């Protein structure tokens, strides 16, 4: 069940948060992302339009005398020459599909997904989930989210939290076929990797860095919410 805005909660600030029901749990979850390293490839339609625009301007641009163009061509010439070979957009991690590496899908955003036990998992079995923590006595929900990420990274020196408020939230309802399932609210915060391309991920059985499309495949039931949270096409 998805809702457009938090309900029954006071604004997140120095006074913290509270719930109308003392038994209802609140979970702070972190959407931890690595931003694109290279510029995404231009869409073929956009490229065709740019090519057409360039040729159109070339056809109707102003003609300059040859002596003016000759002076411009001679300016800045020297005996040096620089041979520039751009690095490949396809890395070794792409070739081997190493989903534990940050050096893959360089033109897309990557998101951290953990495998292990987490609050609300059916029968306490390990599942794929985002870094998260049950809100206890932290001063703010943002601090609770920071604590969740710090517990698996060992620190926050290479992280940047985008804003103090959650970017989205969802309400998890008990499942009819699972009498022991819980009802709770999960609030999502966004954080980004900064200043490094290697991170040590701990306190989990496994982890992956996934693109948006790969991420949605792991959460078909929450795909609609995640697709709205991650507004980027690729």
C-alpha atoms as a PDB file:
ATOM      1  CA  UNK A   1       0.000   0.000   0.000  1.00  0.00           C
ATOM      2  CA  UNK A   2       1.516   3.302  -1.089  1.00  0.00           C
ATOM      3  CA  UNK A   3       0.667   6.788   0.081  1.00  0.00           C
ATOM      4  CA  UNK A   4       1.744  10.105  -1.336  1.00  0.00           C
ATOM      5  CA  UNK A   5       2.780  11.668   1.978  1.00  0.00           C
ATOM      6  CA  UNK A   6       3.621  10.540   5.527  1.00  0.00           C
ATOM      7  CA  UNK A   7       0.684  10.427   7.906  1.00  0.00           C
ATOM      8  CA  UNK A   8       0.439  10.294  11.695  1.00  0.00           C
ATOM      9  CA  UNK A   9       3.997  11.613  11.976  1.00  0.00           C
ATOM     10  CA  UNK A  10       5.363  14.951  13.141  1.00  0.00           C
ATOM     11  CA  UNK A  11       7.815  16.757  10.849  1.00  0.00           C
ATOM     12  CA  UNK A  12      11.362  15.467  11.050  1.00  0.00           C
ATOM     13  CA  UNK A  13      13.543  17.857  12.988  1.00  0.00           C
ATOM     14  CA  UNK A  14      15.343  18.334  16.258  1.00  0.00           C
ATOM     15  CA  UNK A  15      12.335  16.985  18.161  1.00  0.00           C
ATOM     16  CA  UNK A  16      12.450  13.672  16.304  1.00  0.00           C
ATOM     17  CA  UNK A  17       9.450  11.618  15.178  1.00  0.00           C
ATOM     18  CA  UNK A  18       6.614   9.845  16.856  1.00  0.00           C
ATOM     19  CA  UNK A  19       3.834   7.498  15.820  1.00  0.00           C
ATOM     20  CA  UNK A  20       0.203   7.462  16.826  1.00  0.00           C
ATOM     21  CA  UNK A  21       0.641   3.810  17.766  1.00  0.00           C
ATOM     22  CA  UNK A  22       3.483   2.798  20.069  1.00  0.00           C
ATOM     23  CA  UNK A  23       3.454  -0.733  18.583  1.00  0.00           C
ATOM     24  CA  UNK A  24       3.881   0.403  14.972  1.00  0.00           C
ATOM     25  CA  UNK A  25       7.511   0.378  13.902  1.00  0.00           C
ATOM     26  CA  UNK A  26       9.244   2.922  11.692  1.00  0.00           C
ATOM     27  CA  UNK A  27      12.175   1.926   9.490  1.00  0.00           C
ATOM     28  CA  UNK A  28      14.708   4.320   7.943  1.00  0.00           C
ATOM     29  CA  UNK A  29      15.963   2.962   4.613  1.00  0.00           C
ATOM     30  CA  UNK A  30      18.784   4.396   2.472  1.00  0.00           C
ATOM     31  CA  UNK A  31      18.839   4.517  -1.315  1.00  0.00           C
ATOM     32  CA  UNK A  32      22.641   4.632  -1.664  1.00  0.00           C
ATOM     33  CA  UNK A  33      23.705   5.520  -5.199  1.00  0.00           C
ATOM     34  CA  UNK A  34      26.803   6.023  -7.293  1.00  0.00           C
ATOM     35  CA  UNK A  35      26.350   8.798  -9.824  1.00  0.00           C
ATOM     36  CA  UNK A  36      27.273   8.294 -13.517  1.00  0.00           C
ATOM     37  CA  UNK A  37      31.001   8.561 -14.200  1.00  0.00           C
ATOM     38  CA  UNK A  38      30.741   9.288 -17.938  1.00  0.00           C
ATOM     39  CA  UNK A  39      28.146  11.127 -20.001  1.00  0.00           C
ATOM     40  CA  UNK A  40      25.435   8.752 -21.266  1.00  0.00           C
ATOM     41  CA  UNK A  41      25.398   8.041 -24.978  1.00  0.00           C
ATOM     42  CA  UNK A  42      23.243  10.346 -27.060  1.00  0.00           C
ATOM     43  CA  UNK A  43      19.934   8.898 -28.201  1.00  0.00           C
ATOM     44  CA  UNK A  44      20.041   8.117 -31.956  1.00  0.00           C
ATOM     45  CA  UNK A  45      17.096  10.455 -32.599  1.00  0.00           C
ATOM     46  CA  UNK A  46      18.829  13.316 -30.760  1.00  0.00           C
ATOM     47  CA  UNK A  47      22.086  12.585 -32.596  1.00  0.00           C
ATOM     48  CA  UNK A  48      20.319  12.683 -35.968  1.00  0.00           C
ATOM     49  CA  UNK A  49      18.722  16.034 -35.098  1.00  0.00           C
ATOM     50  CA  UNK A  50      22.060  17.502 -34.019  1.00  0.00           C
ATOM     51  CA  UNK A  51      23.665  16.280 -37.253  1.00  0.00           C
ATOM     52  CA  UNK A  52      20.867  17.864 -39.286  1.00  0.00           C
ATOM     53  CA  UNK A  53      21.157  21.147 -37.349  1.00  0.00           C
ATOM     54  CA  UNK A  54      24.916  21.278 -37.934  1.00  0.00           C
ATOM     55  CA  UNK A  55      24.569  20.708 -41.678  1.00  0.00           C
ATOM     56  CA  UNK A  56      21.792  23.309 -41.871  1.00  0.00           C
ATOM     57  CA  UNK A  57      23.988  25.917 -40.187  1.00  0.00           C
ATOM     58  CA  UNK A  58      26.903  25.010 -42.449  1.00  0.00           C
ATOM     59  CA  UNK A  59      24.712  25.551 -45.493  1.00  0.00           C
ATOM     60  CA  UNK A  60      23.522  29.011 -44.499  1.00  0.00           C
ATOM     61  CA  UNK A  61      26.382  30.317 -42.383  1.00  0.00           C
ATOM     62  CA  UNK A  62      28.154  33.538 -43.273  1.00  0.00           C
ATOM     63  CA  UNK A  63      31.021  33.240 -45.769  1.00  0.00           C
ATOM     64  CA  UNK A  64      34.331  34.843 -44.748  1.00  0.00           C
ATOM     65  CA  UNK A  65      37.149  35.901 -47.107  1.00  0.00           C
ATOM     66  CA  UNK A  66      39.930  33.369 -47.587  1.00  0.00           C
ATOM     67  CA  UNK A  67      42.547  35.754 -46.123  1.00  0.00           C
ATOM     68  CA  UNK A  68      40.579  35.961 -42.855  1.00  0.00           C
ATOM     69  CA  UNK A  69      40.234  32.200 -42.629  1.00  0.00           C
ATOM     70  CA  UNK A  70      43.928  31.782 -43.431  1.00  0.00           C
ATOM     71  CA  UNK A  71      44.975  33.967 -40.508  1.00  0.00           C
ATOM     72  CA  UNK A  72      42.703  32.077 -38.163  1.00  0.00           C
ATOM     73  CA  UNK A  73      44.071  28.705 -39.285  1.00  0.00           C
ATOM     74  CA  UNK A  74      47.678  29.841 -38.755  1.00  0.00           C
ATOM     75  CA  UNK A  75      47.034  31.105 -35.221  1.00  0.00           C
ATOM     76  CA  UNK A  76      48.348  28.879 -32.410  1.00  0.00           C
ATOM     77  CA  UNK A  77      50.146  26.398 -34.595  1.00  0.00           C
ATOM     78  CA  UNK A  78      53.358  24.879 -33.274  1.00  0.00           C
ATOM     79  CA  UNK A  79      55.636  21.901 -33.499  1.00  0.00           C
ATOM     80  CA  UNK A  80      53.854  19.945 -30.774  1.00  0.00           C
ATOM     81  CA  UNK A  81      51.151  17.330 -31.285  1.00  0.00           C
ATOM     82  CA  UNK A  82      48.954  15.622 -28.730  1.00  0.00           C
ATOM     83  CA  UNK A  83      47.573  12.166 -29.485  1.00  0.00           C
ATOM     84  CA  UNK A  84      44.432  11.682 -27.390  1.00  0.00           C
ATOM     85  CA  UNK A  85      42.869   8.252 -27.100  1.00  0.00           C
ATOM     86  CA  UNK A  86      39.689   8.195 -25.006  1.00  0.00           C
ATOM     87  CA  UNK A  87      39.296   5.456 -22.431  1.00  0.00           C
ATOM     88  CA  UNK A  88      36.851   2.687 -23.191  1.00  0.00           C
ATOM     89  CA  UNK A  89      33.320   3.016 -21.834  1.00  0.00           C
ATOM     90  CA  UNK A  90      33.253  -0.751 -21.318  1.00  0.00           C
ATOM     91  CA  UNK A  91      35.262  -1.807 -18.255  1.00  0.00           C
ATOM     92  CA  UNK A  92      36.510  -5.215 -17.151  1.00  0.00           C
ATOM     93  CA  UNK A  93      33.678  -5.280 -14.591  1.00  0.00           C
ATOM     94  CA  UNK A  94      31.199  -4.843 -17.449  1.00  0.00           C
ATOM     95  CA  UNK A  95      32.741  -7.718 -19.382  1.00  0.00           C
ATOM     96  CA  UNK A  96      32.571 -10.081 -16.390  1.00  0.00           C
ATOM     97  CA  UNK A  97      29.269  -8.655 -15.078  1.00  0.00           C
ATOM     98  CA  UNK A  98      30.894  -8.008 -11.689  1.00  0.00           C
ATOM     99  CA  UNK A  99      27.962  -6.584  -9.743  1.00  0.00           C
ATOM    100  CA  UNK A 100      30.122  -6.033  -6.665  1.00  0.00           C
ATOM    101  CA  UNK A 101      32.206  -3.440  -8.503  1.00  0.00           C
ATOM    102  CA  UNK A 102      31.536   0.274  -8.766  1.00  0.00           C
ATOM    103  CA  UNK A 103      33.501   0.253 -12.021  1.00  0.00           C
ATOM    104  CA  UNK A 104      30.598  -0.936 -14.172  1.00  0.00           C
ATOM    105  CA  UNK A 105      27.740   0.752 -16.049  1.00  0.00           C
ATOM    106  CA  UNK A 106      29.718   3.993 -15.936  1.00  0.00           C
ATOM    107  CA  UNK A 107      27.015   5.945 -17.773  1.00  0.00           C
ATOM    108  CA  UNK A 108      24.279   4.911 -15.327  1.00  0.00           C
ATOM    109  CA  UNK A 109      23.521   5.262 -11.631  1.00  0.00           C
ATOM    110  CA  UNK A 110      24.192   2.261  -9.419  1.00  0.00           C
ATOM    111  CA  UNK A 111      22.284   1.427  -6.233  1.00  0.00           C
ATOM    112  CA  UNK A 112      23.470  -0.664  -3.286  1.00  0.00           C
ATOM    113  CA  UNK A 113      21.433  -3.719  -2.386  1.00  0.00           C
ATOM    114  CA  UNK A 114      22.204  -5.980   0.579  1.00  0.00           C
ATOM    115  CA  UNK A 115      21.366  -9.622   1.244  1.00  0.00           C
ATOM    116  CA  UNK A 116      20.726 -10.686   4.821  1.00  0.00           C
ATOM    117  CA  UNK A 117      18.255 -10.493   7.673  1.00  0.00           C
ATOM    118  CA  UNK A 118      16.230  -7.328   8.056  1.00  0.00           C
ATOM    119  CA  UNK A 119      13.159  -6.106   9.910  1.00  0.00           C
ATOM    120  CA  UNK A 120       9.896  -7.477   8.548  1.00  0.00           C
ATOM    121  CA  UNK A 121      11.452 -10.270   6.479  1.00  0.00           C
ATOM    122  CA  UNK A 122       9.151 -13.348   6.252  1.00  0.00           C
ATOM    123  CA  UNK A 123      10.121 -15.906   8.907  1.00  0.00           C
ATOM    124  CA  UNK A 124      13.321 -13.905   9.533  1.00  0.00           C
ATOM    125  CA  UNK A 125      14.841 -15.344   6.366  1.00  0.00           C
ATOM    126  CA  UNK A 126      17.589 -13.407   4.562  1.00  0.00           C
ATOM    127  CA  UNK A 127      16.276 -11.222   1.740  1.00  0.00           C
ATOM    128  CA  UNK A 128      17.561  -8.534  -0.604  1.00  0.00           C
ATOM    129  CA  UNK A 129      17.013  -5.102   0.902  1.00  0.00           C
ATOM    130  CA  UNK A 130      18.391  -1.573   1.147  1.00  0.00           C
ATOM    131  CA  UNK A 131      20.568  -0.470   4.072  1.00  0.00           C
ATOM    132  CA  UNK A 132      18.042   0.205   6.826  1.00  0.00           C
ATOM    133  CA  UNK A 133      17.459   0.390  10.566  1.00  0.00           C
ATOM    134  CA  UNK A 134      14.454   0.410  12.870  1.00  0.00           C
ATOM    135  CA  UNK A 135      13.945   3.852  14.413  1.00  0.00           C
ATOM    136  CA  UNK A 136      14.621   3.694  18.151  1.00  0.00           C
ATOM    137  CA  UNK A 137      15.705   6.735  20.124  1.00  0.00           C
ATOM    138  CA  UNK A 138      17.643   8.757  17.545  1.00  0.00           C
ATOM    139  CA  UNK A 139      17.073  12.497  17.639  1.00  0.00           C
ATOM    140  CA  UNK A 140      15.879  12.523  14.023  1.00  0.00           C
ATOM    141  CA  UNK A 141      14.934   9.980  11.397  1.00  0.00           C
ATOM    142  CA  UNK A 142      17.804  11.248   9.234  1.00  0.00           C
ATOM    143  CA  UNK A 143      20.265  10.244  11.995  1.00  0.00           C
ATOM    144  CA  UNK A 144      18.665   6.811  12.059  1.00  0.00           C
ATOM    145  CA  UNK A 145      19.272   6.491   8.298  1.00  0.00           C
ATOM    146  CA  UNK A 146      22.887   7.631   8.746  1.00  0.00           C
ATOM    147  CA  UNK A 147      23.357   4.981  11.421  1.00  0.00           C
ATOM    148  CA  UNK A 148      22.016   2.308   9.051  1.00  0.00           C
ATOM    149  CA  UNK A 149      24.524   3.228   6.347  1.00  0.00           C
ATOM    150  CA  UNK A 150      27.405   3.698   8.780  1.00  0.00           C
ATOM    151  CA  UNK A 151      26.899   0.208  10.206  1.00  0.00           C
ATOM    152  CA  UNK A 152      27.698  -1.431   6.855  1.00  0.00           C
ATOM    153  CA  UNK A 153      30.376   1.005   5.619  1.00  0.00           C
ATOM    154  CA  UNK A 154      32.167   1.586   8.922  1.00  0.00           C
ATOM    155  CA  UNK A 155      31.901   5.358   8.439  1.00  0.00           C
ATOM    156  CA  UNK A 156      30.319   8.116   6.385  1.00  0.00           C
ATOM    157  CA  UNK A 157      33.431   9.846   5.028  1.00  0.00           C
ATOM    158  CA  UNK A 158      32.576   8.889   1.428  1.00  0.00           C
ATOM    159  CA  UNK A 159      28.842   9.562   1.593  1.00  0.00           C
ATOM    160  CA  UNK A 160      26.595  12.555   1.048  1.00  0.00           C
ATOM    161  CA  UNK A 161      22.983  12.591   2.245  1.00  0.00           C
ATOM    162  CA  UNK A 162      20.698  14.559  -0.057  1.00  0.00           C
ATOM    163  CA  UNK A 163      18.474  16.605   2.259  1.00  0.00           C
ATOM    164  CA  UNK A 164      17.207  16.045   5.769  1.00  0.00           C
ATOM    165  CA  UNK A 165      13.734  14.777   4.885  1.00  0.00           C
ATOM    166  CA  UNK A 166      12.857  11.390   3.401  1.00  0.00           C
ATOM    167  CA  UNK A 167      12.332  11.277  -0.357  1.00  0.00           C
ATOM    168  CA  UNK A 168       9.468   8.760  -0.176  1.00  0.00           C
ATOM    169  CA  UNK A 169       7.762   6.289   2.110  1.00  0.00           C
ATOM    170  CA  UNK A 170       5.707   3.141   1.954  1.00  0.00           C
ATOM    171  CA  UNK A 171       3.396   1.306   4.345  1.00  0.00           C
ATOM    172  CA  UNK A 172       3.994  -2.427   4.672  1.00  0.00           C
ATOM    173  CA  UNK A 173       0.791  -4.259   5.580  1.00  0.00           C
ATOM    174  CA  UNK A 174       0.580  -7.735   7.172  1.00  0.00           C
ATOM    175  CA  UNK A 175       0.199 -10.545   4.645  1.00  0.00           C
ATOM    176  CA  UNK A 176      -2.918 -12.695   4.863  1.00  0.00           C
ATOM    177  CA  UNK A 177      -0.985 -15.916   4.262  1.00  0.00           C
ATOM    178  CA  UNK A 178       1.603 -15.048   6.938  1.00  0.00           C
ATOM    179  CA  UNK A 179       0.052 -14.476  10.390  1.00  0.00           C
ATOM    180  CA  UNK A 180       3.426 -13.505  11.881  1.00  0.00           C
ATOM    181  CA  UNK A 181       4.085 -10.722   9.370  1.00  0.00           C
ATOM    182  CA  UNK A 182       4.349  -7.168  10.685  1.00  0.00           C
ATOM    183  CA  UNK A 183       2.916  -3.797   9.754  1.00  0.00           C
ATOM    184  CA  UNK A 184       5.348  -0.876   9.646  1.00  0.00           C
ATOM    185  CA  UNK A 185       6.296   2.282   7.775  1.00  0.00           C
ATOM    186  CA  UNK A 186       9.510   2.476   5.738  1.00  0.00           C
ATOM    187  CA  UNK A 187      10.984   5.917   4.979  1.00  0.00           C
ATOM    188  CA  UNK A 188      13.556   6.272   2.210  1.00  0.00           C
ATOM    189  CA  UNK A 189      16.518   8.656   2.325  1.00  0.00           C
ATOM    190  CA  UNK A 190      18.907   9.304  -0.565  1.00  0.00           C
ATOM    191  CA  UNK A 191      22.677   9.207  -0.126  1.00  0.00           C
ATOM    192  CA  UNK A 192      25.462   9.289  -2.719  1.00  0.00           C
ATOM    193  CA  UNK A 193      28.991   7.911  -3.027  1.00  0.00           C
ATOM    194  CA  UNK A 194      31.619  10.668  -3.147  1.00  0.00           C
ATOM    195  CA  UNK A 195      35.411  10.710  -3.472  1.00  0.00           C
ATOM    196  CA  UNK A 196      36.017   6.994  -4.033  1.00  0.00           C
ATOM    197  CA  UNK A 197      35.373   4.085  -6.390  1.00  0.00           C
ATOM    198  CA  UNK A 198      35.878   1.328  -3.811  1.00  0.00           C
ATOM    199  CA  UNK A 199      33.878   0.735  -0.642  1.00  0.00           C
ATOM    200  CA  UNK A 200      34.105  -2.038   1.936  1.00  0.00           C
ATOM    201  CA  UNK A 201      30.606  -3.444   2.522  1.00  0.00           C
ATOM    202  CA  UNK A 202      30.175  -5.377   5.766  1.00  0.00           C
ATOM    203  CA  UNK A 203      27.490  -6.801   8.070  1.00  0.00           C
ATOM    204  CA  UNK A 204      25.638  -8.649   5.301  1.00  0.00           C
ATOM    205  CA  UNK A 205      25.804 -12.028   3.606  1.00  0.00           C
ATOM    206  CA  UNK A 206      26.092 -10.532   0.137  1.00  0.00           C
ATOM    207  CA  UNK A 207      25.665  -7.264  -1.751  1.00  0.00           C
ATOM    208  CA  UNK A 208      25.284  -5.908  -5.276  1.00  0.00           C
ATOM    209  CA  UNK A 209      25.550  -2.581  -7.096  1.00  0.00           C
ATOM    210  CA  UNK A 210      22.619  -2.521  -9.531  1.00  0.00           C
ATOM    211  CA  UNK A 211      21.286  -0.217 -12.220  1.00  0.00           C
ATOM    212  CA  UNK A 212      17.694   0.993 -12.025  1.00  0.00           C
ATOM    213  CA  UNK A 213      16.399  -1.698 -14.391  1.00  0.00           C
ATOM    214  CA  UNK A 214      18.228  -4.439 -12.472  1.00  0.00           C
ATOM    215  CA  UNK A 215      16.911  -3.060  -9.185  1.00  0.00           C
ATOM    216  CA  UNK A 216      13.267  -3.081 -10.279  1.00  0.00           C
ATOM    217  CA  UNK A 217      13.564  -6.760 -11.228  1.00  0.00           C
ATOM    218  CA  UNK A 218      14.308  -7.615  -7.575  1.00  0.00           C
ATOM    219  CA  UNK A 219      11.238  -5.801  -6.226  1.00  0.00           C
ATOM    220  CA  UNK A 220       8.312  -6.418  -8.604  1.00  0.00           C
ATOM    221  CA  UNK A 221       5.738  -5.630  -5.892  1.00  0.00           C
ATOM    222  CA  UNK A 222       7.359  -2.268  -5.094  1.00  0.00           C
ATOM    223  CA  UNK A 223       8.386  -1.464  -8.681  1.00  0.00           C
ATOM    224  CA  UNK A 224       5.852   1.360  -9.001  1.00  0.00           C
ATOM    225  CA  UNK A 225       7.147   3.175  -5.913  1.00  0.00           C
ATOM    226  CA  UNK A 226      10.798   2.638  -6.766  1.00  0.00           C
ATOM    227  CA  UNK A 227      10.240   3.812 -10.327  1.00  0.00           C
ATOM    228  CA  UNK A 228       8.798   7.083  -8.983  1.00  0.00           C
ATOM    229  CA  UNK A 229      11.636   7.477  -6.473  1.00  0.00           C
ATOM    230  CA  UNK A 230      14.298   6.884  -9.100  1.00  0.00           C
ATOM    231  CA  UNK A 231      13.063   9.370 -11.667  1.00  0.00           C
ATOM    232  CA  UNK A 232      16.055   8.894 -13.951  1.00  0.00           C
ATOM    233  CA  UNK A 233      15.323   6.870 -17.073  1.00  0.00           C
ATOM    234  CA  UNK A 234      18.593   4.949 -16.961  1.00  0.00           C
END
